[in-house]
């Protein structure tokens, strides 16, 4: 992945407690040949030198939540709450969501998969989906995907 100074990025790291952590910031400097990058993290005064593979450009489809617990998709009340949680994460990432329309309790679109909302950003349409990860069924991923057809 090619980065340039000023690019908005998300940085995946491990916090002091050993738990995964997503931080947001801007590229401040780039080493040649895929080397480390300097990321100015939101709320920090200095930059962090990080491995480029830990950094992604911030886009509507790269902002995601990884949450533990199948009750998040099994219980309609909790599924509805995932829309607000994802929207808050998108705002933290600095994304502008033009519109967001919840699909009630969500529509099951396959084993462990739910369409939660329709949204638009930058003139494009997306579906917000929650999916149990096949290799880790206790984990639920919530993220926007390109909207090519209606939910369900």
N, C-alpha and C. Protein backbone atom coordinates (compact mmCIF):
# COMPACT_ATOMS: atom_id res chain seq x y z
N UNK A 1 0.85 -1.17 0.00
CA UNK A 1 0.00 0.00 0.00
C UNK A 1 0.90 1.24 0.00
N UNK A 2 0.53 2.22 -0.79
CA UNK A 2 1.33 3.43 -0.91
C UNK A 2 0.69 4.54 -0.07
N UNK A 3 1.51 5.16 0.77
CA UNK A 3 1.05 6.25 1.62
C UNK A 3 1.77 7.53 1.24
N UNK A 4 1.08 8.64 1.45
CA UNK A 4 1.67 9.96 1.23
C UNK A 4 1.42 10.80 2.47
N UNK A 5 2.29 11.75 2.75
CA UNK A 5 2.05 12.64 3.89
C UNK A 5 0.66 13.29 3.78
N UNK A 6 -0.05 13.28 4.90
CA UNK A 6 -1.39 13.86 4.95
C UNK A 6 -2.51 12.85 4.81
N UNK A 7 -2.20 11.61 4.39
CA UNK A 7 -3.24 10.58 4.26
C UNK A 7 -3.85 10.28 5.62
N UNK A 8 -5.17 10.17 5.68
CA UNK A 8 -5.88 9.76 6.89
C UNK A 8 -5.79 8.24 6.98
N UNK A 9 -5.36 7.74 8.16
CA UNK A 9 -5.14 6.30 8.32
C UNK A 9 -5.70 5.78 9.63
N UNK A 10 -5.90 4.47 9.64
CA UNK A 10 -6.21 3.74 10.87
C UNK A 10 -5.03 2.83 11.16
N UNK A 11 -4.67 2.78 12.43
CA UNK A 11 -3.47 2.07 12.87
C UNK A 11 -3.90 0.99 13.84
N UNK A 12 -3.62 -0.27 13.47
CA UNK A 12 -3.97 -1.41 14.32
C UNK A 12 -2.76 -1.75 15.19
N UNK A 13 -2.99 -1.74 16.51
CA UNK A 13 -1.90 -2.04 17.43
C UNK A 13 -2.45 -2.80 18.63
N UNK A 14 -1.60 -3.08 19.57
CA UNK A 14 -1.98 -3.74 20.82
C UNK A 14 -1.78 -2.75 21.94
N UNK A 15 -2.81 -2.59 22.80
CA UNK A 15 -2.67 -1.64 23.90
C UNK A 15 -1.84 -2.23 25.03
N UNK A 16 -1.65 -1.47 26.08
CA UNK A 16 -0.81 -1.90 27.20
C UNK A 16 -1.36 -3.13 27.92
N UNK A 17 -2.66 -3.39 27.78
CA UNK A 17 -3.28 -4.56 28.41
C UNK A 17 -3.23 -5.80 27.52
N UNK A 18 -2.64 -5.67 26.32
CA UNK A 18 -2.55 -6.80 25.41
C UNK A 18 -3.77 -6.97 24.52
N UNK A 19 -4.67 -5.99 24.52
CA UNK A 19 -5.89 -6.07 23.71
C UNK A 19 -5.71 -5.30 22.41
N UNK A 20 -6.38 -5.76 21.34
CA UNK A 20 -6.27 -5.03 20.07
C UNK A 20 -6.86 -3.63 20.21
N UNK A 21 -6.23 -2.68 19.51
CA UNK A 21 -6.65 -1.29 19.60
C UNK A 21 -6.54 -0.66 18.21
N UNK A 22 -7.54 0.12 17.83
CA UNK A 22 -7.52 0.87 16.58
C UNK A 22 -7.36 2.34 16.93
N UNK A 23 -6.38 2.98 16.32
CA UNK A 23 -6.14 4.41 16.50
C UNK A 23 -6.21 5.07 15.14
N UNK A 24 -6.52 6.36 15.11
CA UNK A 24 -6.62 7.11 13.86
C UNK A 24 -5.64 8.26 13.87
N UNK A 25 -5.19 8.62 12.68
CA UNK A 25 -4.27 9.74 12.57
C UNK A 25 -3.96 10.03 11.11
N UNK A 26 -2.84 10.74 10.91
CA UNK A 26 -2.41 11.15 9.57
C UNK A 26 -0.97 10.73 9.35
N UNK A 27 -0.65 10.40 8.11
CA UNK A 27 0.73 10.08 7.75
C UNK A 27 1.53 11.38 7.79
N UNK A 28 2.66 11.35 8.51
CA UNK A 28 3.54 12.51 8.58
C UNK A 28 4.80 12.30 7.75
N UNK A 29 5.24 11.05 7.65
CA UNK A 29 6.43 10.75 6.87
C UNK A 29 6.43 9.31 6.41
N UNK A 30 7.13 9.06 5.31
CA UNK A 30 7.15 7.72 4.71
C UNK A 30 8.59 7.35 4.40
N UNK A 31 9.01 6.15 4.84
CA UNK A 31 10.32 5.63 4.46
C UNK A 31 10.18 4.95 3.10
N UNK A 32 11.21 4.95 2.32
CA UNK A 32 11.16 4.33 0.99
C UNK A 32 11.09 2.82 1.07
N UNK A 33 10.60 2.20 0.00
CA UNK A 33 10.62 0.74 -0.13
C UNK A 33 9.71 0.00 0.83
N UNK A 34 8.57 0.55 1.19
CA UNK A 34 7.64 -0.16 2.07
C UNK A 34 8.07 -0.21 3.51
N UNK A 35 9.01 0.64 3.88
CA UNK A 35 9.50 0.68 5.26
C UNK A 35 8.47 1.30 6.19
N UNK A 36 8.89 1.63 7.38
CA UNK A 36 7.95 2.19 8.35
C UNK A 36 7.43 3.57 7.93
N UNK A 37 6.32 3.96 8.55
CA UNK A 37 5.73 5.27 8.33
C UNK A 37 5.62 5.99 9.66
N UNK A 38 5.59 7.31 9.62
CA UNK A 38 5.37 8.10 10.82
C UNK A 38 3.91 8.51 10.82
N UNK A 39 3.20 8.15 11.89
CA UNK A 39 1.78 8.47 12.01
C UNK A 39 1.59 9.46 13.15
N UNK A 40 0.94 10.57 12.84
CA UNK A 40 0.56 11.55 13.85
C UNK A 40 -0.83 11.13 14.33
N UNK A 41 -0.88 10.50 15.50
CA UNK A 41 -2.13 9.97 16.02
C UNK A 41 -3.00 11.09 16.58
N UNK A 42 -4.30 10.96 16.40
CA UNK A 42 -5.23 11.93 16.96
C UNK A 42 -5.01 12.06 18.46
N UNK A 43 -4.94 13.29 18.94
CA UNK A 43 -4.80 13.54 20.36
C UNK A 43 -3.38 13.42 20.89
N UNK A 44 -2.41 13.13 20.04
CA UNK A 44 -1.01 12.99 20.45
C UNK A 44 -0.20 14.15 19.88
N UNK A 45 0.81 14.57 20.59
CA UNK A 45 1.66 15.66 20.11
C UNK A 45 2.77 15.18 19.19
N UNK A 46 3.30 13.99 19.43
CA UNK A 46 4.39 13.46 18.61
C UNK A 46 3.91 12.38 17.67
N UNK A 47 4.79 12.00 16.76
CA UNK A 47 4.46 10.94 15.82
C UNK A 47 4.98 9.60 16.30
N UNK A 48 4.33 8.53 15.84
CA UNK A 48 4.77 7.16 16.12
C UNK A 48 5.31 6.56 14.83
N UNK A 49 6.47 5.91 14.90
CA UNK A 49 7.01 5.19 13.77
C UNK A 49 6.42 3.78 13.83
N UNK A 50 5.68 3.41 12.78
CA UNK A 50 4.99 2.11 12.79
C UNK A 50 5.26 1.37 11.49
N UNK A 51 5.11 0.06 11.56
CA UNK A 51 5.24 -0.80 10.40
C UNK A 51 4.08 -0.50 9.45
N UNK A 52 4.36 -0.32 8.18
CA UNK A 52 3.33 0.05 7.20
C UNK A 52 2.21 -0.99 7.10
N UNK A 53 2.47 -2.26 7.41
CA UNK A 53 1.41 -3.28 7.32
C UNK A 53 0.36 -3.12 8.42
N UNK A 54 0.65 -2.32 9.44
CA UNK A 54 -0.31 -2.09 10.52
C UNK A 54 -1.22 -0.89 10.24
N UNK A 55 -1.04 -0.27 9.08
CA UNK A 55 -1.74 0.97 8.76
C UNK A 55 -2.58 0.76 7.50
N UNK A 56 -3.80 1.31 7.51
CA UNK A 56 -4.68 1.29 6.35
C UNK A 56 -5.22 2.69 6.11
N UNK A 57 -5.49 3.01 4.84
CA UNK A 57 -6.20 4.25 4.55
C UNK A 57 -7.59 4.18 5.18
N UNK A 58 -8.08 5.30 5.68
CA UNK A 58 -9.43 5.37 6.21
C UNK A 58 -10.39 5.53 5.03
N UNK A 59 -11.27 4.56 4.88
CA UNK A 59 -12.35 4.62 3.90
C UNK A 59 -13.60 4.09 4.57
N UNK A 60 -14.72 4.28 3.94
CA UNK A 60 -15.98 3.81 4.51
C UNK A 60 -15.98 2.29 4.70
N UNK A 61 -15.20 1.57 3.87
CA UNK A 61 -15.18 0.11 3.99
C UNK A 61 -14.05 -0.43 4.86
N UNK A 62 -13.12 0.41 5.29
CA UNK A 62 -12.06 -0.08 6.18
C UNK A 62 -12.37 0.17 7.65
N UNK A 63 -13.32 1.06 7.93
CA UNK A 63 -13.70 1.29 9.32
C UNK A 63 -14.63 0.16 9.73
N UNK A 64 -14.21 -0.59 10.74
CA UNK A 64 -15.01 -1.74 11.17
C UNK A 64 -14.90 -1.92 12.68
N UNK A 65 -15.87 -2.63 13.20
CA UNK A 65 -15.84 -3.02 14.60
C UNK A 65 -15.66 -4.53 14.66
N UNK A 66 -14.79 -5.01 15.52
CA UNK A 66 -14.66 -6.43 15.81
C UNK A 66 -15.03 -6.60 17.27
N UNK A 67 -16.15 -7.27 17.49
CA UNK A 67 -16.71 -7.39 18.84
C UNK A 67 -16.88 -8.85 19.23
N UNK A 68 -16.72 -9.12 20.50
CA UNK A 68 -16.85 -10.49 21.00
C UNK A 68 -18.27 -10.72 21.51
N UNK A 69 -18.89 -11.80 21.08
CA UNK A 69 -20.20 -12.19 21.61
C UNK A 69 -21.26 -12.36 20.54
N UNK A 70 -21.75 -13.58 20.38
CA UNK A 70 -22.79 -13.84 19.38
C UNK A 70 -24.13 -13.23 19.77
N UNK A 71 -24.30 -12.87 21.03
CA UNK A 71 -25.55 -12.22 21.44
C UNK A 71 -25.75 -10.90 20.69
N UNK A 72 -24.66 -10.31 20.19
CA UNK A 72 -24.75 -9.06 19.44
C UNK A 72 -25.55 -9.22 18.15
N UNK A 73 -25.55 -10.40 17.57
CA UNK A 73 -26.35 -10.64 16.37
C UNK A 73 -27.58 -11.48 16.66
N UNK A 74 -27.55 -12.22 17.75
CA UNK A 74 -28.70 -13.07 18.09
C UNK A 74 -29.86 -12.27 18.67
N UNK A 75 -29.58 -11.20 19.40
CA UNK A 75 -30.60 -10.40 20.07
C UNK A 75 -30.94 -9.16 19.24
N UNK A 76 -32.22 -8.99 18.83
CA UNK A 76 -32.61 -7.85 18.00
C UNK A 76 -32.24 -6.48 18.59
N UNK A 77 -32.39 -6.32 19.91
CA UNK A 77 -32.06 -5.03 20.53
C UNK A 77 -30.58 -4.71 20.38
N UNK A 78 -29.74 -5.72 20.54
CA UNK A 78 -28.30 -5.51 20.42
C UNK A 78 -27.90 -5.28 18.97
N UNK A 79 -28.55 -5.98 18.04
CA UNK A 79 -28.27 -5.75 16.61
C UNK A 79 -28.56 -4.30 16.24
N UNK A 80 -29.69 -3.77 16.73
CA UNK A 80 -30.04 -2.37 16.43
C UNK A 80 -28.95 -1.43 16.96
N UNK A 81 -28.40 -1.73 18.11
CA UNK A 81 -27.36 -0.89 18.70
C UNK A 81 -26.06 -0.90 17.93
N UNK A 82 -25.81 -1.94 17.14
CA UNK A 82 -24.58 -2.01 16.36
C UNK A 82 -24.48 -0.88 15.34
N UNK A 83 -25.64 -0.42 14.84
CA UNK A 83 -25.64 0.67 13.86
C UNK A 83 -25.05 1.93 14.49
N UNK A 84 -25.50 2.28 15.69
CA UNK A 84 -24.99 3.47 16.38
C UNK A 84 -23.52 3.33 16.75
N UNK A 85 -23.13 2.14 17.17
CA UNK A 85 -21.72 1.91 17.51
C UNK A 85 -20.82 2.11 16.29
N UNK A 86 -21.23 1.55 15.15
CA UNK A 86 -20.43 1.70 13.94
C UNK A 86 -20.40 3.17 13.50
N UNK A 87 -21.54 3.84 13.56
CA UNK A 87 -21.59 5.24 13.14
C UNK A 87 -20.66 6.09 14.00
N UNK A 88 -20.63 5.83 15.30
CA UNK A 88 -19.72 6.56 16.19
C UNK A 88 -18.26 6.29 15.81
N UNK A 89 -17.95 5.06 15.45
CA UNK A 89 -16.58 4.73 15.03
C UNK A 89 -16.23 5.45 13.74
N UNK A 90 -17.18 5.51 12.80
CA UNK A 90 -16.95 6.22 11.53
C UNK A 90 -16.69 7.70 11.78
N UNK A 91 -17.42 8.30 12.72
CA UNK A 91 -17.19 9.71 13.06
C UNK A 91 -15.82 9.89 13.69
N UNK A 92 -15.43 8.97 14.58
CA UNK A 92 -14.11 9.03 15.19
C UNK A 92 -13.02 8.94 14.13
N UNK A 93 -13.26 8.15 13.08
CA UNK A 93 -12.30 8.00 12.00
C UNK A 93 -12.24 9.22 11.10
N UNK A 94 -13.21 10.13 11.24
CA UNK A 94 -13.22 11.34 10.43
C UNK A 94 -14.00 11.21 9.14
N UNK A 95 -14.87 10.21 9.06
CA UNK A 95 -15.66 10.00 7.84
C UNK A 95 -16.96 10.78 7.89
N UNK A 96 -17.38 11.25 6.73
CA UNK A 96 -18.68 11.90 6.59
C UNK A 96 -19.65 10.90 5.99
N UNK A 97 -20.65 10.53 6.76
CA UNK A 97 -21.71 9.65 6.27
C UNK A 97 -22.86 10.57 5.89
N UNK A 98 -23.23 10.56 4.60
CA UNK A 98 -24.28 11.46 4.10
C UNK A 98 -25.65 11.08 4.64
N UNK A 99 -25.96 9.79 4.64
CA UNK A 99 -27.24 9.32 5.17
C UNK A 99 -27.06 7.92 5.72
N UNK A 100 -27.87 7.59 6.71
CA UNK A 100 -27.83 6.29 7.35
C UNK A 100 -29.25 5.91 7.72
N UNK A 101 -29.75 4.83 7.12
CA UNK A 101 -31.12 4.38 7.35
C UNK A 101 -31.10 2.95 7.89
N UNK A 102 -31.46 2.82 9.16
CA UNK A 102 -31.48 1.53 9.81
C UNK A 102 -32.54 0.62 9.19
N UNK A 103 -32.26 -0.67 9.15
CA UNK A 103 -33.22 -1.67 8.65
C UNK A 103 -33.82 -2.37 9.87
N UNK A 104 -34.50 -1.62 10.72
CA UNK A 104 -35.18 -2.18 11.89
C UNK A 104 -34.27 -3.06 12.72
N UNK A 105 -34.70 -4.32 12.90
CA UNK A 105 -33.92 -5.31 13.64
C UNK A 105 -32.86 -5.96 12.77
N UNK A 106 -32.75 -5.52 11.53
CA UNK A 106 -31.81 -6.12 10.58
C UNK A 106 -32.49 -7.24 9.82
N UNK A 107 -31.91 -7.60 8.70
CA UNK A 107 -32.41 -8.70 7.88
C UNK A 107 -31.32 -9.74 7.76
N UNK A 108 -31.66 -10.97 8.15
CA UNK A 108 -30.70 -12.06 8.05
C UNK A 108 -30.48 -12.36 6.57
N UNK A 109 -29.23 -12.35 6.14
CA UNK A 109 -28.92 -12.60 4.73
C UNK A 109 -28.01 -13.82 4.56
N UNK A 110 -28.00 -14.68 5.56
CA UNK A 110 -27.21 -15.91 5.51
C UNK A 110 -26.84 -16.32 6.92
N UNK A 111 -26.31 -17.51 7.08
CA UNK A 111 -25.93 -17.95 8.43
C UNK A 111 -24.93 -16.98 9.08
N UNK A 112 -25.34 -16.41 10.19
CA UNK A 112 -24.46 -15.50 10.93
C UNK A 112 -24.27 -14.15 10.29
N UNK A 113 -25.07 -13.79 9.29
CA UNK A 113 -24.93 -12.51 8.61
C UNK A 113 -26.21 -11.70 8.63
N UNK A 114 -26.07 -10.39 8.90
CA UNK A 114 -27.22 -9.51 9.01
C UNK A 114 -26.97 -8.19 8.30
N UNK A 115 -27.92 -7.74 7.49
CA UNK A 115 -27.90 -6.38 6.95
C UNK A 115 -28.55 -5.50 7.99
N UNK A 116 -27.83 -4.47 8.45
CA UNK A 116 -28.31 -3.62 9.54
C UNK A 116 -28.81 -2.27 9.07
N UNK A 117 -28.20 -1.72 8.01
CA UNK A 117 -28.57 -0.37 7.57
C UNK A 117 -28.10 -0.16 6.14
N UNK A 118 -28.72 0.82 5.50
CA UNK A 118 -28.26 1.31 4.21
C UNK A 118 -27.68 2.70 4.46
N UNK A 119 -26.59 3.00 3.79
CA UNK A 119 -25.98 4.30 4.00
C UNK A 119 -25.39 4.80 2.69
N UNK A 120 -25.12 6.10 2.67
CA UNK A 120 -24.42 6.68 1.53
C UNK A 120 -23.32 7.58 2.06
N UNK A 121 -22.24 7.60 1.29
CA UNK A 121 -21.08 8.43 1.62
C UNK A 121 -20.34 8.72 0.33
N UNK A 122 -20.01 9.96 0.12
CA UNK A 122 -19.27 10.35 -1.07
C UNK A 122 -20.00 10.03 -2.37
N UNK A 123 -21.33 10.00 -2.32
CA UNK A 123 -22.12 9.71 -3.51
C UNK A 123 -22.31 8.24 -3.80
N UNK A 124 -21.72 7.36 -2.99
CA UNK A 124 -21.87 5.91 -3.19
C UNK A 124 -22.76 5.32 -2.12
N UNK A 125 -23.38 4.19 -2.44
CA UNK A 125 -24.28 3.50 -1.51
C UNK A 125 -23.61 2.27 -0.93
N UNK A 126 -23.91 2.00 0.35
CA UNK A 126 -23.33 0.88 1.07
C UNK A 126 -24.38 0.21 1.93
N UNK A 127 -24.10 -1.04 2.29
CA UNK A 127 -24.87 -1.77 3.29
C UNK A 127 -23.99 -1.93 4.51
N UNK A 128 -24.55 -1.67 5.67
CA UNK A 128 -23.85 -1.95 6.92
C UNK A 128 -24.25 -3.36 7.33
N UNK A 129 -23.24 -4.23 7.46
CA UNK A 129 -23.51 -5.63 7.77
C UNK A 129 -22.78 -6.05 9.03
N UNK A 130 -23.39 -6.99 9.74
CA UNK A 130 -22.77 -7.66 10.88
C UNK A 130 -22.63 -9.13 10.49
N UNK A 131 -21.44 -9.69 10.68
CA UNK A 131 -21.16 -11.06 10.27
C UNK A 131 -20.36 -11.76 11.36
N UNK A 132 -20.80 -12.96 11.72
CA UNK A 132 -19.98 -13.79 12.60
C UNK A 132 -18.82 -14.32 11.78
N UNK A 133 -17.62 -14.22 12.32
CA UNK A 133 -16.45 -14.68 11.59
C UNK A 133 -16.42 -16.20 11.54
N UNK A 134 -16.25 -16.79 10.35
CA UNK A 134 -16.27 -18.25 10.24
C UNK A 134 -15.16 -18.94 11.03
N UNK A 135 -13.98 -18.34 11.08
CA UNK A 135 -12.85 -18.95 11.79
C UNK A 135 -12.85 -18.62 13.28
N UNK A 136 -13.68 -17.65 13.70
CA UNK A 136 -13.84 -17.29 15.11
C UNK A 136 -15.31 -16.96 15.34
N UNK A 137 -16.18 -17.97 15.47
CA UNK A 137 -17.63 -17.73 15.52
C UNK A 137 -18.10 -16.88 16.71
N UNK A 138 -17.27 -16.67 17.71
CA UNK A 138 -17.65 -15.80 18.83
C UNK A 138 -17.42 -14.32 18.52
N UNK A 139 -16.75 -14.04 17.39
CA UNK A 139 -16.45 -12.67 17.00
C UNK A 139 -17.43 -12.19 15.93
N UNK A 140 -17.85 -10.94 16.07
CA UNK A 140 -18.76 -10.31 15.12
C UNK A 140 -18.06 -9.11 14.51
N UNK A 141 -18.07 -9.03 13.17
CA UNK A 141 -17.48 -7.90 12.46
C UNK A 141 -18.62 -7.05 11.89
N UNK A 142 -18.55 -5.75 12.13
CA UNK A 142 -19.54 -4.81 11.60
C UNK A 142 -18.80 -3.85 10.69
N UNK A 143 -19.20 -3.81 9.42
CA UNK A 143 -18.56 -2.89 8.48
C UNK A 143 -19.48 -2.64 7.29
N UNK A 144 -19.17 -1.56 6.57
CA UNK A 144 -19.93 -1.20 5.38
C UNK A 144 -19.35 -1.93 4.18
N UNK A 145 -20.24 -2.35 3.30
CA UNK A 145 -19.85 -3.02 2.06
C UNK A 145 -20.58 -2.34 0.92
N UNK A 146 -19.99 -2.36 -0.27
CA UNK A 146 -20.62 -1.75 -1.44
C UNK A 146 -22.02 -2.32 -1.63
N UNK A 147 -22.97 -1.44 -1.89
CA UNK A 147 -24.37 -1.83 -2.06
C UNK A 147 -24.62 -2.10 -3.53
N UNK A 148 -24.72 -3.37 -3.89
CA UNK A 148 -24.95 -3.72 -5.28
C UNK A 148 -26.38 -4.16 -5.54
N UNK A 149 -27.07 -4.55 -4.48
CA UNK A 149 -28.46 -4.95 -4.61
C UNK A 149 -29.16 -4.75 -3.27
N UNK A 150 -30.45 -4.96 -3.22
CA UNK A 150 -31.19 -4.78 -1.98
C UNK A 150 -30.79 -5.80 -0.94
N UNK A 151 -31.02 -5.50 0.35
CA UNK A 151 -30.69 -6.44 1.42
C UNK A 151 -31.55 -7.67 1.32
N UNK A 152 -31.00 -8.76 1.86
CA UNK A 152 -31.72 -10.03 1.91
C UNK A 152 -31.56 -10.72 0.66
